[in-house]
Amino acid sequence: MGKGEITYPLRVAIHRTGLSAERLRAWELRYGAVEPVRTPGGSRRYRESDLERLSLLRAGVDRGRRIGELVRLDTPALRAYLKTASGAADAVADFSEILEPLARLEADVVLDRLAGEQAGRGSLEFAQDFVLPLLAEVGRRWEQGELSVAAEHLASNLLSSMLGESLREAKPAEPGAAIVFATPSGERHALGLFVAALTAAHAGAEPIFLGAEVPEDDLVESVLRSRASVLALGLVTIDSEAAAEVLRRLRARLPGRIEIWIGGPGMPRCAPIPGVERVANLDQLASRVALTRLAADRQAS
């Protein structure tokens, strides 16, 4: 570092680059994206050149390129790439690197490439920004006959394992509100629920993940035994009338202090039900978790 060169703390680096602390640390440790200055106390400080490089790397990843490929480029080469690259074409090519071996049922290859994406992005951004659009593409190709049922199941099993491990590792710094995550009987899709639970964990909640097709009696018992403050249910393909009936019964059986949240692609088809809150997206989920935690802290103080 040159004499008098200005450096910035981690919080400024996060704000300037738009990267999460988790993702920034992963890029530094695994890929050597930048080498921040260390203070005598061990804190990381970032040069202006570090912030520019990190911003360029993020822009490249947002266009669908792998972080492992991008870090091989110096900063001028990154600038040149971003001026000429087609983001949409790169994103399709990146998914193809996973979808092509998936179609051949090459589980080890698929898992290795998914793990690379997760390491480069961090667990939360991998789940939100990569897994969800990947699932949509897998579903589209399955519907068009381009992927077999076996390939679709393989993708689901691999991603469930990865997201489950991420969820187990996502512990809030301080105990937060317990939220039970599940899908009701008749709803077998739970991958999006993993992403929701991981989002809640990073927002400070303690998710209790029950998974798919949990019977009504077990949902009630689980919520009461765990002393959860929220029951969060994912809806994807379940019949809307069947879902509404289950939700009405759950609302009647659970104490009013326990909130019921619903979300997922099937939520808009479900008629509004008094006492059942609709969560439209992951940002709204994170905000609701924060409010729930704030309310719990106020009650405890």
Protein backbone atom coordinates (compact mmCIF):
# COMPACT_ATOMS: atom_id res chain seq x y z
CA MET A 1 0.00 0.00 0.00
CA GLY A 2 1.38 3.37 -0.98
CA LYS A 3 1.96 5.98 1.66
CA GLY A 4 -1.20 7.94 2.30
CA GLU A 5 -3.34 5.62 0.14
CA ILE A 6 -6.95 5.67 1.26
CA THR A 7 -8.44 2.36 2.39
CA TYR A 8 -11.96 1.45 3.41
CA PRO A 9 -13.45 -0.89 6.03
CA LEU A 10 -15.56 -3.96 5.23
CA ARG A 11 -18.88 -2.15 5.63
CA VAL A 12 -17.89 0.36 2.95
CA ALA A 13 -16.73 -2.44 0.65
CA ILE A 14 -20.10 -4.15 1.05
CA HIS A 15 -21.96 -0.92 0.30
CA ARG A 16 -19.79 0.08 -2.67
CA THR A 17 -19.69 -3.32 -4.38
CA GLY A 18 -23.15 -4.63 -3.52
CA LEU A 19 -21.61 -7.90 -2.30
CA SER A 20 -22.63 -9.60 0.92
CA ALA A 21 -19.97 -10.13 3.59
CA GLU A 22 -20.30 -13.89 3.07
CA ARG A 23 -19.75 -13.67 -0.68
CA LEU A 24 -16.87 -11.24 -0.32
CA ARG A 25 -15.09 -13.53 2.11
CA ALA A 26 -15.66 -16.55 -0.16
CA TRP A 27 -14.15 -14.71 -3.13
CA GLU A 28 -11.12 -13.67 -1.11
CA LEU A 29 -10.37 -17.00 0.55
CA ARG A 30 -11.26 -19.44 -2.23
CA TYR A 31 -10.34 -17.44 -5.32
CA GLY A 32 -7.95 -14.72 -4.18
CA ALA A 33 -10.12 -12.12 -5.89
CA VAL A 34 -8.41 -9.32 -3.96
CA GLU A 35 -5.89 -9.10 -1.12
CA PRO A 36 -7.14 -6.51 1.35
CA VAL A 37 -4.76 -4.72 3.68
CA ARG A 38 -4.72 -6.03 7.24
CA THR A 39 -4.59 -3.66 10.18
CA PRO A 40 -2.51 -4.56 13.26
CA GLY A 41 -5.78 -5.69 14.84
CA GLY A 42 -6.55 -8.03 11.94
CA SER A 43 -9.34 -6.02 10.30
CA ARG A 44 -9.54 -5.96 6.51
CA ARG A 45 -9.17 -2.65 4.67
CA TYR A 46 -9.86 -2.26 0.95
CA ARG A 47 -8.09 -0.03 -1.57
CA GLU A 48 -9.99 1.84 -4.28
CA SER A 49 -8.53 -0.60 -6.79
CA ASP A 50 -9.89 -3.52 -4.74
CA LEU A 51 -13.37 -2.04 -4.78
CA GLU A 52 -13.25 -1.50 -8.53
CA ARG A 53 -12.11 -5.06 -9.15
CA LEU A 54 -14.77 -6.52 -6.87
CA SER A 55 -17.45 -4.46 -8.61
CA LEU A 56 -16.26 -5.69 -12.01
CA LEU A 57 -16.22 -9.29 -10.80
CA ARG A 58 -19.74 -8.97 -9.50
CA ALA A 59 -20.91 -7.51 -12.81
CA GLY A 60 -19.36 -10.46 -14.63
CA VAL A 61 -21.01 -13.00 -12.33
CA ASP A 62 -24.34 -11.21 -12.74
CA ARG A 63 -23.94 -11.77 -16.48
CA GLY A 64 -23.67 -15.49 -15.90
CA ARG A 65 -19.91 -16.05 -15.86
CA ARG A 66 -18.18 -18.20 -13.26
CA ILE A 67 -16.16 -16.37 -10.63
CA GLY A 68 -13.40 -18.97 -11.08
CA GLU A 69 -13.04 -17.89 -14.71
CA LEU A 70 -13.28 -14.16 -14.06
CA VAL A 71 -10.58 -13.98 -11.37
CA ARG A 72 -8.03 -15.13 -13.95
CA LEU A 73 -8.48 -11.80 -15.73
CA ASP A 74 -6.65 -8.69 -14.56
CA THR A 75 -8.66 -5.54 -14.00
CA PRO A 76 -8.14 -4.02 -17.50
CA ALA A 77 -9.21 -7.33 -19.07
CA LEU A 78 -12.30 -7.38 -16.87
CA ARG A 79 -13.21 -3.87 -18.03
CA ALA A 80 -12.79 -4.93 -21.65
CA TYR A 81 -14.85 -8.07 -21.18
CA LEU A 82 -17.75 -6.17 -19.63
CA LYS A 83 -17.81 -3.75 -22.55
CA THR A 84 -18.23 -6.51 -25.11
CA ALA A 85 -19.82 -9.53 -23.42
CA SER A 86 -23.43 -10.47 -23.98
CA GLY A 87 -24.92 -11.12 -20.57
CA ALA A 88 -27.89 -13.13 -21.79
CA ALA A 89 -25.79 -15.45 -23.95
CA ASP A 90 -23.32 -16.04 -21.12
CA ALA A 91 -26.11 -16.89 -18.68
CA VAL A 92 -27.59 -19.47 -21.03
CA ALA A 93 -24.15 -20.98 -21.61
CA ASP A 94 -23.54 -21.20 -17.86
CA PHE A 95 -26.80 -23.07 -17.29
CA SER A 96 -25.90 -25.35 -20.18
CA GLU A 97 -22.75 -26.38 -18.31
CA ILE A 98 -25.06 -27.88 -15.71
CA LEU A 99 -28.04 -28.89 -17.82
CA GLU A 100 -26.06 -30.87 -20.39
CA PRO A 101 -24.45 -33.27 -17.88
CA LEU A 102 -27.75 -33.33 -16.00
CA ALA A 103 -29.47 -34.67 -19.12
CA ARG A 104 -26.82 -37.43 -19.21
CA LEU A 105 -27.41 -38.12 -15.48
CA GLU A 106 -23.76 -37.35 -14.67
CA ALA A 107 -24.37 -36.63 -11.01
CA ASP A 108 -20.74 -36.03 -10.01
CA VAL A 109 -20.22 -33.50 -12.79
CA VAL A 110 -23.43 -31.65 -11.96
CA LEU A 111 -22.62 -31.59 -8.25
CA ASP A 112 -19.10 -30.30 -8.87
CA ARG A 113 -20.37 -27.44 -11.02
CA LEU A 114 -23.11 -26.56 -8.56
CA ALA A 115 -20.56 -26.54 -5.74
CA GLY A 116 -18.39 -24.16 -7.74
CA GLU A 117 -21.29 -21.77 -8.19
CA GLN A 118 -22.13 -21.95 -4.50
CA ALA A 119 -18.54 -21.29 -3.43
CA GLY A 120 -18.29 -18.28 -5.72
CA ARG A 121 -21.60 -16.73 -4.77
CA GLY A 122 -22.08 -17.67 -1.11
CA SER A 123 -24.91 -19.90 0.07
CA LEU A 124 -27.70 -17.29 0.19
CA GLU A 125 -27.03 -15.65 -3.17
CA PHE A 126 -26.48 -19.09 -4.72
CA ALA A 127 -29.93 -20.13 -3.50
CA GLN A 128 -31.74 -16.94 -4.47
CA ASP A 129 -30.00 -15.88 -7.67
CA PHE A 130 -28.86 -19.18 -9.17
CA VAL A 131 -30.96 -22.07 -7.86
CA LEU A 132 -34.36 -20.47 -8.42
CA PRO A 133 -33.78 -19.54 -12.09
CA LEU A 134 -32.06 -22.90 -12.65
CA LEU A 135 -35.14 -24.69 -11.31
CA ALA A 136 -37.35 -22.67 -13.64
CA GLU A 137 -35.18 -23.70 -16.60
CA VAL A 138 -35.18 -27.36 -15.51
CA GLY A 139 -38.97 -27.25 -15.27
CA ARG A 140 -39.28 -25.62 -18.68
CA ARG A 141 -37.06 -28.22 -20.33
CA TRP A 142 -38.89 -31.07 -18.62
CA GLU A 143 -42.24 -29.75 -19.85
CA GLN A 144 -40.87 -29.53 -23.40
CA GLY A 145 -39.47 -33.05 -23.25
CA GLU A 146 -35.83 -31.91 -23.29
CA LEU A 147 -35.12 -33.38 -19.85
CA SER A 148 -36.29 -36.72 -18.50
CA VAL A 149 -38.15 -37.24 -15.24
CA ALA A 150 -35.00 -38.93 -13.95
CA ALA A 151 -32.93 -35.82 -14.72
CA GLU A 152 -35.47 -33.58 -13.00
CA HIS A 153 -35.41 -35.83 -9.92
CA LEU A 154 -31.61 -35.87 -9.92
CA ALA A 155 -31.49 -32.08 -9.96
CA SER A 156 -34.01 -31.91 -7.12
CA ASN A 157 -32.11 -34.40 -4.99
CA LEU A 158 -28.72 -32.74 -5.50
CA LEU A 159 -30.07 -29.26 -4.79
CA SER A 160 -32.07 -30.45 -1.77
CA SER A 161 -28.91 -31.92 -0.27
CA MET A 162 -26.88 -28.76 -0.91
CA LEU A 163 -29.53 -26.37 0.36
CA GLY A 164 -30.22 -28.55 3.38
CA GLU A 165 -26.56 -28.43 4.34
CA SER A 166 -26.50 -24.65 3.86
CA LEU A 167 -29.56 -24.34 6.07
CA ARG A 168 -27.98 -26.40 8.84
CA GLU A 169 -24.91 -24.16 8.74
CA ALA A 170 -26.88 -20.89 8.73
CA LYS A 171 -27.06 -20.07 12.41
CA PRO A 172 -28.11 -16.56 13.50
CA ALA A 173 -25.61 -14.70 15.65
CA GLU A 174 -28.26 -14.42 18.36
CA PRO A 175 -31.35 -16.59 18.94
CA GLY A 176 -34.24 -15.35 16.82
CA ALA A 177 -37.88 -16.14 16.27
CA ALA A 178 -38.55 -19.81 15.52
CA ILE A 179 -40.38 -20.34 12.22
CA VAL A 180 -41.68 -23.72 11.06
CA PHE A 181 -41.29 -24.20 7.29
CA ALA A 182 -43.31 -26.91 5.54
CA THR A 183 -45.70 -27.68 2.72
CA PRO A 184 -49.14 -29.16 3.46
CA SER A 185 -50.32 -32.58 2.35
CA GLY A 186 -50.76 -32.57 -1.41
CA GLU A 187 -47.83 -30.22 -2.05
CA ARG A 188 -44.69 -32.22 -2.85
CA HIS A 189 -42.48 -29.36 -4.09
CA ALA A 190 -40.16 -28.07 -1.37
CA LEU A 191 -37.03 -26.72 -3.08
CA GLY A 192 -38.32 -23.17 -3.06
CA LEU A 193 -39.13 -23.66 0.62
CA PHE A 194 -35.45 -24.40 1.27
CA VAL A 195 -34.58 -21.03 -0.27
CA ALA A 196 -37.22 -19.30 1.86
CA ALA A 197 -35.93 -20.94 5.04
CA LEU A 198 -32.35 -19.99 4.19
CA THR A 199 -33.47 -16.40 3.55
CA ALA A 200 -35.19 -16.34 6.93
CA ALA A 201 -32.11 -17.73 8.67
CA HIS A 202 -29.91 -15.01 7.19
CA ALA A 203 -32.49 -12.44 8.31
CA GLY A 204 -32.13 -13.64 11.91
CA ALA A 205 -34.79 -16.34 12.31
CA GLU A 206 -34.37 -19.90 13.57
CA PRO A 207 -35.97 -22.02 10.84
CA ILE A 208 -37.42 -25.42 11.71
CA PHE A 209 -37.58 -27.16 8.35
CA LEU A 210 -40.09 -30.01 8.14
CA GLY A 211 -40.13 -30.39 4.36
CA ALA A 212 -42.90 -31.46 2.02
CA GLU A 213 -46.37 -32.92 2.52
CA VAL A 214 -46.64 -32.64 6.30
CA PRO A 215 -50.05 -33.80 7.60
CA GLU A 216 -52.22 -31.18 9.24
CA ASP A 217 -52.11 -32.75 12.72
CA ASP A 218 -48.31 -32.89 12.59
CA LEU A 219 -48.10 -29.26 11.53
CA VAL A 220 -50.15 -28.17 14.52
CA GLU A 221 -48.21 -30.37 16.94
CA SER A 222 -44.85 -29.24 15.57
CA VAL A 223 -45.68 -25.56 15.88
CA LEU A 224 -46.97 -25.91 19.44
CA ARG A 225 -44.14 -28.14 20.65
CA SER A 226 -41.41 -25.98 19.14
CA ARG A 227 -42.96 -22.78 20.51
CA ALA A 228 -42.61 -21.26 17.07
CA SER A 229 -44.13 -17.85 16.46
CA VAL A 230 -44.79 -18.46 12.76
CA LEU A 231 -45.90 -21.32 10.51
CA ALA A 232 -44.65 -20.69 6.96
CA LEU A 233 -46.19 -22.83 4.22
CA GLY A 234 -45.07 -23.13 0.61
CA LEU A 235 -47.64 -23.53 -2.17
CA VAL A 236 -46.66 -24.54 -5.71
CA THR A 237 -48.95 -26.99 -7.51
CA ILE A 238 -51.46 -27.91 -4.79
CA ASP A 239 -55.12 -27.41 -5.69
CA SER A 240 -56.13 -23.93 -4.54
CA GLU A 241 -59.39 -25.04 -2.92
CA ALA A 242 -57.66 -27.86 -1.05
CA ALA A 243 -54.98 -25.43 0.14
CA ALA A 244 -57.61 -22.95 1.31
CA GLU A 245 -59.40 -25.63 3.33
CA VAL A 246 -56.19 -26.68 5.06
CA LEU A 247 -55.31 -23.07 5.82
CA ARG A 248 -58.72 -22.35 7.32
CA ARG A 249 -58.48 -25.39 9.57
CA LEU A 250 -54.93 -24.53 10.63
CA ARG A 251 -55.94 -20.97 11.45
CA ALA A 252 -58.81 -22.26 13.58
CA ARG A 253 -56.63 -24.76 15.43
CA LEU A 254 -53.60 -22.58 16.15
CA PRO A 255 -53.58 -19.78 18.75
CA GLY A 256 -53.94 -16.28 17.36
CA ARG A 257 -50.45 -15.36 18.58
CA ILE A 258 -48.99 -17.78 16.02
CA GLU A 259 -48.83 -16.22 12.58
CA ILE A 260 -49.42 -18.21 9.40
CA TRP A 261 -47.52 -17.12 6.30
CA ILE A 262 -47.94 -18.51 2.80
CA GLY A 263 -45.80 -18.00 -0.27
CA GLY A 264 -44.69 -19.60 -3.51
CA PRO A 265 -45.93 -19.77 -7.11
CA GLY A 266 -49.25 -21.29 -6.02
CA MET A 267 -50.06 -18.53 -3.55
CA PRO A 268 -51.83 -16.15 -6.00
CA ARG A 269 -54.36 -18.89 -6.84
CA CYS A 270 -55.36 -19.23 -3.19
CA ALA A 271 -58.20 -16.96 -2.05
CA PRO A 272 -57.40 -14.53 0.80
CA ILE A 273 -58.05 -16.06 4.23
CA PRO A 274 -58.42 -13.98 7.41
CA GLY A 275 -55.45 -14.49 9.69
CA VAL A 276 -53.22 -15.89 6.94
CA GLU A 277 -50.51 -13.52 5.71
CA ARG A 278 -49.34 -13.60 2.09
CA VAL A 279 -45.60 -13.19 1.47
CA ALA A 280 -45.04 -12.17 -2.14
CA ASN A 281 -41.25 -12.54 -2.45
CA LEU A 282 -38.02 -13.20 -0.59
CA ASP A 283 -37.36 -9.52 0.17
CA GLN A 284 -40.75 -9.30 1.83
CA LEU A 285 -39.99 -12.48 3.76
CA ALA A 286 -36.74 -11.03 5.10
CA SER A 287 -38.56 -7.85 6.13
CA ARG A 288 -41.26 -9.82 7.95
CA VAL A 289 -38.64 -11.86 9.77
CA ALA A 290 -36.94 -8.66 10.90
CA LEU A 291 -40.23 -7.24 12.18
CA THR A 292 -41.06 -10.49 13.97
CA ARG A 293 -37.68 -10.48 15.65
CA LEU A 294 -38.07 -6.84 16.66
CA ALA A 295 -41.46 -7.59 18.22
CA ALA A 296 -40.01 -10.54 20.13
CA ASP A 297 -37.13 -8.41 21.43
CA ARG A 298 -39.56 -5.77 22.66
CA GLN A 299 -41.62 -8.37 24.51
CA ALA A 300 -38.50 -9.77 26.15
CA SER A 301 -37.23 -6.35 27.29
